[in-house]
PDB file of N, CA and C in Angstrom:
ATOM      1  N   UNK A   1     108.952 101.635 105.420  1.00  0.00           N
ATOM      2  CA  UNK A   1     110.056 102.370 104.857  1.00  0.00           C
ATOM      3  C   UNK A   1     109.557 103.053 103.584  1.00  0.00           C
ATOM      4  N   UNK A   2     109.684 104.358 103.560  1.00  0.00           N
ATOM      5  CA  UNK A   2     109.259 105.140 102.407  1.00  0.00           C
ATOM      6  C   UNK A   2     110.384 106.078 101.985  1.00  0.00           C
ATOM      7  N   UNK A   3     110.678 106.126 100.697  1.00  0.00           N
ATOM      8  CA  UNK A   3     111.693 107.076 100.241  1.00  0.00           C
ATOM      9  C   UNK A   3     111.132 108.498 100.288  1.00  0.00           C
ATOM     10  N   UNK A   4     111.951 109.431 100.751  1.00  0.00           N
ATOM     11  CA  UNK A   4     111.538 110.826 100.851  1.00  0.00           C
ATOM     12  C   UNK A   4     112.655 111.693 100.274  1.00  0.00           C
ATOM     13  N   UNK A   5     112.300 112.577  99.373  1.00  0.00           N
ATOM     14  CA  UNK A   5     113.288 113.496  98.807  1.00  0.00           C
ATOM     15  C   UNK A   5     113.791 114.436  99.899  1.00  0.00           C
ATOM     16  N   UNK A   6     115.080 114.750  99.863  1.00  0.00           N
ATOM     17  CA  UNK A   6     115.646 115.662 100.862  1.00  0.00           C
ATOM     18  C   UNK A   6     114.895 116.987 100.899  1.00  0.00           C
ATOM     19  N   UNK A   7     114.421 117.431  99.742  1.00  0.00           N
ATOM     20  CA  UNK A   7     113.717 118.712  99.683  1.00  0.00           C
ATOM     21  C   UNK A   7     112.373 118.683 100.414  1.00  0.00           C
ATOM     22  N   UNK A   8     111.876 117.490 100.734  1.00  0.00           N
ATOM     23  CA  UNK A   8     110.590 117.361 101.425  1.00  0.00           C
ATOM     24  C   UNK A   8     110.748 117.234 102.937  1.00  0.00           C
ATOM     25  N   UNK A   9     111.991 117.158 103.396  1.00  0.00           N
ATOM     26  CA  UNK A   9     112.229 117.009 104.829  1.00  0.00           C
ATOM     27  C   UNK A   9     112.094 118.346 105.534  1.00  0.00           C
ATOM     28  N   UNK A  10     111.561 118.302 106.726  1.00  0.00           N
ATOM     29  CA  UNK A  10     111.414 119.503 107.545  1.00  0.00           C
ATOM     30  C   UNK A  10     112.231 119.337 108.817  1.00  0.00           C
ATOM     31  N   UNK A  11     113.018 120.342 109.124  1.00  0.00           N
ATOM     32  CA  UNK A  11     113.772 120.308 110.367  1.00  0.00           C
ATOM     33  C   UNK A  11     112.885 120.833 111.484  1.00  0.00           C
ATOM     34  N   UNK A  12     112.885 120.121 112.593  1.00  0.00           N
ATOM     35  CA  UNK A  12     112.071 120.521 113.738  1.00  0.00           C
ATOM     36  C   UNK A  12     113.001 121.005 114.842  1.00  0.00           C
ATOM     37  N   UNK A  13     112.757 122.190 115.330  1.00  0.00           N
ATOM     38  CA  UNK A  13     113.537 122.765 116.425  1.00  0.00           C
ATOM     39  C   UNK A  13     112.869 122.355 117.736  1.00  0.00           C
ATOM     40  N   UNK A  14     113.218 121.185 118.211  1.00  0.00           N
ATOM     41  CA  UNK A  14     112.543 120.593 119.360  1.00  0.00           C
ATOM     42  C   UNK A  14     112.540 121.502 120.592  1.00  0.00           C
ATOM     43  N   UNK A  15     113.660 122.122 120.957  1.00  0.00           N
ATOM     44  CA  UNK A  15     113.633 122.960 122.170  1.00  0.00           C
ATOM     45  C   UNK A  15     112.633 124.120 122.105  1.00  0.00           C
ATOM     46  N   UNK A  16     112.250 124.539 120.904  1.00  0.00           N
ATOM     47  CA  UNK A  16     111.319 125.660 120.770  1.00  0.00           C
ATOM     48  C   UNK A  16     109.858 125.243 120.605  1.00  0.00           C
ATOM     49  N   UNK A  17     109.571 123.940 120.742  1.00  0.00           N
ATOM     50  CA  UNK A  17     108.184 123.470 120.697  1.00  0.00           C
ATOM     51  C   UNK A  17     107.491 123.945 121.971  1.00  0.00           C
ATOM     52  N   UNK A  18     106.394 124.639 121.831  1.00  0.00           N
ATOM     53  CA  UNK A  18     105.697 125.223 122.980  1.00  0.00           C
ATOM     54  C   UNK A  18     104.998 124.180 123.849  1.00  0.00           C
ATOM     55  N   UNK A  19     104.364 123.206 123.223  1.00  0.00           N
ATOM     56  CA  UNK A  19     103.626 122.182 123.960  1.00  0.00           C
ATOM     57  C   UNK A  19     104.625 121.229 124.629  1.00  0.00           C
ATOM     58  N   UNK A  20     104.679 121.256 125.946  1.00  0.00           N
ATOM     59  CA  UNK A  20     105.671 120.477 126.695  1.00  0.00           C
ATOM     60  C   UNK A  20     105.521 118.976 126.466  1.00  0.00           C
ATOM     61  N   UNK A  21     104.290 118.480 126.392  1.00  0.00           N
ATOM     62  CA  UNK A  21     104.078 117.048 126.171  1.00  0.00           C
ATOM     63  C   UNK A  21     104.577 116.624 124.794  1.00  0.00           C
ATOM     64  N   UNK A  22     104.280 117.428 123.791  1.00  0.00           N
ATOM     65  CA  UNK A  22     104.728 117.113 122.428  1.00  0.00           C
ATOM     66  C   UNK A  22     106.246 117.224 122.340  1.00  0.00           C
ATOM     67  N   UNK A  23     106.839 118.229 122.982  1.00  0.00           N
ATOM     68  CA  UNK A  23     108.285 118.399 122.997  1.00  0.00           C
ATOM     69  C   UNK A  23     108.952 117.171 123.633  1.00  0.00           C
ATOM     70  N   UNK A  24     108.403 116.704 124.754  1.00  0.00           N
ATOM     71  CA  UNK A  24     108.947 115.535 125.438  1.00  0.00           C
ATOM     72  C   UNK A  24     108.818 114.284 124.551  1.00  0.00           C
ATOM     73  N   UNK A  25     107.691 114.144 123.868  1.00  0.00           N
ATOM     74  CA  UNK A  25     107.494 113.025 122.951  1.00  0.00           C
ATOM     75  C   UNK A  25     108.566 113.039 121.858  1.00  0.00           C
ATOM     76  N   UNK A  26     108.779 114.209 121.251  1.00  0.00           N
ATOM     77  CA  UNK A  26     109.792 114.317 120.197  1.00  0.00           C
ATOM     78  C   UNK A  26     111.193 114.021 120.730  1.00  0.00           C
ATOM     79  N   UNK A  27     111.494 114.505 121.915  1.00  0.00           N
ATOM     80  CA  UNK A  27     112.798 114.241 122.520  1.00  0.00           C
ATOM     81  C   UNK A  27     112.991 112.750 122.773  1.00  0.00           C
ATOM     82  N   UNK A  28     111.962 112.087 123.262  1.00  0.00           N
ATOM     83  CA  UNK A  28     112.037 110.645 123.525  1.00  0.00           C
ATOM     84  C   UNK A  28     112.206 109.859 122.228  1.00  0.00           C
ATOM     85  N   UNK A  29     111.465 110.249 121.192  1.00  0.00           N
ATOM     86  CA  UNK A  29     111.576 109.562 119.908  1.00  0.00           C
ATOM     87  C   UNK A  29     112.962 109.760 119.312  1.00  0.00           C
ATOM     88  N   UNK A  30     113.456 110.988 119.365  1.00  0.00           N
ATOM     89  CA  UNK A  30     114.783 111.284 118.825  1.00  0.00           C
ATOM     90  C   UNK A  30     115.855 110.489 119.572  1.00  0.00           C
ATOM     91  N   UNK A  31     115.741 110.419 120.875  1.00  0.00           N
ATOM     92  CA  UNK A  31     116.695 109.668 121.686  1.00  0.00           C
ATOM     93  C   UNK A  31     116.663 108.178 121.345  1.00  0.00           C
ATOM     94  N   UNK A  32     115.474 107.627 121.196  1.00  0.00           N
ATOM     95  CA  UNK A  32     115.338 106.208 120.862  1.00  0.00           C
ATOM     96  C   UNK A  32     115.920 105.906 119.486  1.00  0.00           C
ATOM     97  N   UNK A  33     115.648 106.769 118.523  1.00  0.00           N
ATOM     98  CA  UNK A  33     116.172 106.574 117.170  1.00  0.00           C
ATOM     99  C   UNK A  33     117.690 106.665 117.179  1.00  0.00           C
ATOM    100  N   UNK A  34     118.220 107.661 117.886  1.00  0.00           N
ATOM    101  CA  UNK A  34     119.671 107.837 117.949  1.00  0.00           C
ATOM    102  C   UNK A  34     120.347 106.629 118.586  1.00  0.00           C
ATOM    103  N   UNK A  35     119.765 106.095 119.648  1.00  0.00           N
ATOM    104  CA  UNK A  35     120.385 104.964 120.343  1.00  0.00           C
ATOM    105  C   UNK A  35     120.306 103.669 119.529  1.00  0.00           C
ATOM    106  N   UNK A  36     119.319 103.546 118.656  1.00  0.00           N
ATOM    107  CA  UNK A  36     119.156 102.338 117.838  1.00  0.00           C
ATOM    108  C   UNK A  36     119.533 102.575 116.375  1.00  0.00           C
ATOM    109  N   UNK A  37     120.239 103.653 116.094  1.00  0.00           N
ATOM    110  CA  UNK A  37     120.522 104.068 114.714  1.00  0.00           C
ATOM    111  C   UNK A  37     121.151 102.953 113.885  1.00  0.00           C
ATOM    112  N   UNK A  38     122.183 102.298 114.411  1.00  0.00           N
ATOM    113  CA  UNK A  38     122.869 101.259 113.630  1.00  0.00           C
ATOM    114  C   UNK A  38     121.949 100.085 113.330  1.00  0.00           C
ATOM    115  N   UNK A  39     121.158  99.663 114.306  1.00  0.00           N
ATOM    116  CA  UNK A  39     120.246  98.547 114.088  1.00  0.00           C
ATOM    117  C   UNK A  39     119.147  98.936 113.090  1.00  0.00           C
ATOM    118  N   UNK A  40     118.632 100.150 113.199  1.00  0.00           N
ATOM    119  CA  UNK A  40     117.597 100.621 112.271  1.00  0.00           C
ATOM    120  C   UNK A  40     118.135 100.629 110.847  1.00  0.00           C
ATOM    121  N   UNK A  41     119.363 101.140 110.674  1.00  0.00           N
ATOM    122  CA  UNK A  41     119.968 101.195 109.349  1.00  0.00           C
ATOM    123  C   UNK A  41     120.221  99.795 108.797  1.00  0.00           C
ATOM    124  N   UNK A  42     120.658  98.879 109.657  1.00  0.00           N
ATOM    125  CA  UNK A  42     120.917  97.508 109.229  1.00  0.00           C
ATOM    126  C   UNK A  42     119.636  96.807 108.773  1.00  0.00           C
ATOM    127  N   UNK A  43     118.582  96.948 109.569  1.00  0.00           N
ATOM    128  CA  UNK A  43     117.296  96.325 109.214  1.00  0.00           C
ATOM    129  C   UNK A  43     116.749  96.935 107.924  1.00  0.00           C
ATOM    130  N   UNK A  44     116.864  98.245 107.787  1.00  0.00           N
ATOM    131  CA  UNK A  44     116.368  98.914 106.580  1.00  0.00           C
ATOM    132  C   UNK A  44     117.128  98.444 105.342  1.00  0.00           C
ATOM    133  N   UNK A  45     118.452  98.325 105.449  1.00  0.00           N
ATOM    134  CA  UNK A  45     119.250  97.857 104.315  1.00  0.00           C
ATOM    135  C   UNK A  45     118.895  96.424 103.956  1.00  0.00           C
ATOM    136  N   UNK A  46     118.738  95.571 104.968  1.00  0.00           N
ATOM    137  CA  UNK A  46     118.358  94.172 104.705  1.00  0.00           C
ATOM    138  C   UNK A  46     116.985  94.083 104.049  1.00  0.00           C
ATOM    139  N   UNK A  47     116.045  94.881 104.516  1.00  0.00           N
ATOM    140  CA  UNK A  47     114.703  94.867 103.948  1.00  0.00           C
ATOM    141  C   UNK A  47     114.725  95.390 102.513  1.00  0.00           C
ATOM    142  N   UNK A  48     115.491  96.451 102.276  1.00  0.00           N
ATOM    143  CA  UNK A  48     115.596  97.005 100.924  1.00  0.00           C
ATOM    144  C   UNK A  48     116.187  95.964  99.967  1.00  0.00           C
ATOM    145  N   UNK A  49     117.224  95.270 100.419  1.00  0.00           N
ATOM    146  CA  UNK A  49     117.847  94.220  99.605  1.00  0.00           C
ATOM    147  C   UNK A  49     116.836  93.128  99.302  1.00  0.00           C
ATOM    148  N   UNK A  50     116.067  92.727 100.296  1.00  0.00           N
ATOM    149  CA  UNK A  50     115.055  91.684 100.108  1.00  0.00           C
ATOM    150  C   UNK A  50     114.007  92.123  99.086  1.00  0.00           C
ATOM    151  N   UNK A  51     113.554  93.367  99.179  1.00  0.00           N
ATOM    152  CA  UNK A  51     112.504  93.859  98.290  1.00  0.00           C
ATOM    153  C   UNK A  51     112.988  93.894  96.832  1.00  0.00           C
ATOM    154  N   UNK A  52     114.268  94.142  96.630  1.00  0.00           N
ATOM    155  CA  UNK A  52     114.809  94.219  95.271  1.00  0.00           C
ATOM    156  C   UNK A  52     115.308  92.871  94.744  1.00  0.00           C
ATOM    157  N   UNK A  53     115.216  91.819  95.553  1.00  0.00           N
ATOM    158  CA  UNK A  53     115.636  90.483  95.133  1.00  0.00           C
ATOM    159  C   UNK A  53     114.507  89.800  94.368  1.00  0.00           C
ATOM    160  N   UNK A  54     114.872  89.083  93.307  1.00  0.00           N
ATOM    161  CA  UNK A  54     113.877  88.345  92.521  1.00  0.00           C
ATOM    162  C   UNK A  54     113.176  87.315  93.404  1.00  0.00           C
ATOM    163  N   UNK A  55     111.877  87.152  93.194  1.00  0.00           N
ATOM    164  CA  UNK A  55     111.060  86.252  94.018  1.00  0.00           C
ATOM    165  C   UNK A  55     111.589  84.821  94.032  1.00  0.00           C
ATOM    166  N   UNK A  56     112.096  84.339  92.893  1.00  0.00           N
ATOM    167  CA  UNK A  56     112.545  82.954  92.815  1.00  0.00           C
ATOM    168  C   UNK A  56     113.815  82.687  93.631  1.00  0.00           C
ATOM    169  N   UNK A  57     114.460  83.722  94.123  1.00  0.00           N
ATOM    170  CA  UNK A  57     115.669  83.577  94.936  1.00  0.00           C
ATOM    171  C   UNK A  57     115.376  83.709  96.435  1.00  0.00           C
ATOM    172  N   UNK A  58     114.107  83.883  96.788  1.00  0.00           N
ATOM    173  CA  UNK A  58     113.732  84.097  98.187  1.00  0.00           C
ATOM    174  C   UNK A  58     113.154  82.841  98.806  1.00  0.00           C
ATOM    175  N   UNK A  59     113.356  82.698 100.109  1.00  0.00           N
ATOM    176  CA  UNK A  59     112.725  81.609 100.851  1.00  0.00           C
ATOM    177  C   UNK A  59     111.235  81.939 100.991  1.00  0.00           C
ATOM    178  N   UNK A  60     110.417  80.959 101.339  1.00  0.00           N
ATOM    179  CA  UNK A  60     108.987  81.251 101.534  1.00  0.00           C
ATOM    180  C   UNK A  60     108.745  82.355 102.563  1.00  0.00           C
ATOM    181  N   UNK A  61     109.518  82.363 103.649  1.00  0.00           N
ATOM    182  CA  UNK A  61     109.359  83.402 104.656  1.00  0.00           C
ATOM    183  C   UNK A  61     109.718  84.771 104.080  1.00  0.00           C
ATOM    184  N   UNK A  62     110.855  84.850 103.376  1.00  0.00           N
ATOM    185  CA  UNK A  62     111.277  86.127 102.782  1.00  0.00           C
ATOM    186  C   UNK A  62     110.249  86.625 101.777  1.00  0.00           C
ATOM    187  N   UNK A  63     109.691  85.715 101.018  1.00  0.00           N
ATOM    188  CA  UNK A  63     108.665  86.086 100.046  1.00  0.00           C
ATOM    189  C   UNK A  63     107.428  86.647 100.745  1.00  0.00           C
ATOM    190  N   UNK A  64     107.054  86.052 101.868  1.00  0.00           N
ATOM    191  CA  UNK A  64     105.918  86.556 102.639  1.00  0.00           C
ATOM    192  C   UNK A  64     106.192  87.967 103.139  1.00  0.00           C
ATOM    193  N   UNK A  65     107.395  88.196 103.626  1.00  0.00           N
ATOM    194  CA  UNK A  65     107.774  89.535 104.098  1.00  0.00           C
ATOM    195  C   UNK A  65     107.722  90.524 102.931  1.00  0.00           C
ATOM    196  N   UNK A  66     108.293  90.137 101.797  1.00  0.00           N
ATOM    197  CA  UNK A  66     108.319  91.017 100.622  1.00  0.00           C
ATOM    198  C   UNK A  66     106.908  91.368 100.165  1.00  0.00           C
ATOM    199  N   UNK A  67     106.003  90.412 100.217  1.00  0.00           N
ATOM    200  CA  UNK A  67     104.634  90.646  99.763  1.00  0.00           C
ATOM    201  C   UNK A  67     103.887  91.627 100.659  1.00  0.00           C
ATOM    202  N   UNK A  68     104.344  91.789 101.900  1.00  0.00           N
ATOM    203  CA  UNK A  68     103.715  92.740 102.818  1.00  0.00           C
ATOM    204  C   UNK A  68     104.272  94.152 102.658  1.00  0.00           C
ATOM    205  N   UNK A  69     105.325  94.285 101.872  1.00  0.00           N
ATOM    206  CA  UNK A  69     105.980  95.586 101.713  1.00  0.00           C
ATOM    207  C   UNK A  69     105.358  96.377 100.565  1.00  0.00           C
ATOM    208  N   UNK A  70     105.526  97.686 100.651  1.00  0.00           N
ATOM    209  CA  UNK A  70     105.138  98.552  99.544  1.00  0.00           C
ATOM    210  C   UNK A  70     106.053  98.258  98.359  1.00  0.00           C
ATOM    211  N   UNK A  71     105.639  98.658  97.182  1.00  0.00           N
ATOM    212  CA  UNK A  71     106.455  98.476  95.990  1.00  0.00           C
ATOM    213  C   UNK A  71     107.554  99.541  96.000  1.00  0.00           C
ATOM    214  N   UNK A  72     108.642  99.234  96.672  1.00  0.00           N
ATOM    215  CA  UNK A  72     109.714 100.198  96.885  1.00  0.00           C
ATOM    216  C   UNK A  72     110.349 100.690  95.579  1.00  0.00           C
ATOM    217  N   UNK A  73     110.563  99.837  94.575  1.00  0.00           N
ATOM    218  CA  UNK A  73     111.124 100.359  93.325  1.00  0.00           C
ATOM    219  C   UNK A  73     110.245 101.456  92.698  1.00  0.00           C
ATOM    220  N   UNK A  74     108.952 101.278  92.732  1.00  0.00           N
ATOM    221  CA  UNK A  74     108.034 102.287  92.186  1.00  0.00           C
ATOM    222  C   UNK A  74     108.073 103.549  93.044  1.00  0.00           C
ATOM    223  N   UNK A  75     108.066 103.384  94.358  1.00  0.00           N
ATOM    224  CA  UNK A  75     108.106 104.536  95.258  1.00  0.00           C
ATOM    225  C   UNK A  75     109.409 105.319  95.114  1.00  0.00           C
ATOM    226  N   UNK A  76     110.528 104.617  94.964  1.00  0.00           N
ATOM    227  CA  UNK A  76     111.802 105.314  94.781  1.00  0.00           C
ATOM    228  C   UNK A  76     111.811 106.090  93.473  1.00  0.00           C
ATOM    229  N   UNK A  77     111.254 105.493  92.433  1.00  0.00           N
ATOM    230  CA  UNK A  77     111.160 106.194  91.156  1.00  0.00           C
ATOM    231  C   UNK A  77     110.302 107.443  91.271  1.00  0.00           C
ATOM    232  N   UNK A  78     109.183 107.327  91.948  1.00  0.00           N
ATOM    233  CA  UNK A  78     108.290 108.467  92.110  1.00  0.00           C
ATOM    234  C   UNK A  78     108.930 109.558  92.977  1.00  0.00           C
ATOM    235  N   UNK A  79     109.692 109.163  93.985  1.00  0.00           N
ATOM    236  CA  UNK A  79     110.307 110.164  94.860  1.00  0.00           C
ATOM    237  C   UNK A  79     111.367 110.966  94.122  1.00  0.00           C
ATOM    238  N   UNK A  80     111.974 110.389  93.104  1.00  0.00           N
ATOM    239  CA  UNK A  80     112.976 111.115  92.315  1.00  0.00           C
ATOM    240  C   UNK A  80     112.330 112.210  91.477  1.00  0.00           C
ATOM    241  N   UNK A  81     111.041 112.070  91.212  1.00  0.00           N
ATOM    242  CA  UNK A  81     110.313 113.077  90.420  1.00  0.00           C
ATOM    243  C   UNK A  81     109.652 114.115  91.285  1.00  0.00           C
ATOM    244  N   UNK A  82     109.810 114.010  92.628  1.00  0.00           N
ATOM    245  CA  UNK A  82     109.196 114.968  93.541  1.00  0.00           C
ATOM    246  C   UNK A  82     109.854 116.337  93.392  1.00  0.00           C
ATOM    247  N   UNK A  83     109.052 117.357  93.361  1.00  0.00           N
ATOM    248  CA  UNK A  83     109.597 118.719  93.244  1.00  0.00           C
ATOM    249  C   UNK A  83     109.120 119.557  94.409  1.00  0.00           C
TER     250      UNK A  83
END
């Protein structure tokens, strides 16, 4: 999970992709994301909450998960300065 400024997002016009294999790949990915949208958002919110929780309040398993994550507070701060 990486924070991205809205200004850095690119819209892709999938139907106009010339390469049929790449177009099909994008369509499949978009379909999978759309069908799992609620679960993806739930997992992302839970992970974000875990990353921002103080270490002493986490279980050993949660701490292990947090230690494998990027430093999200630093990344969010840096993304706010993106121009």
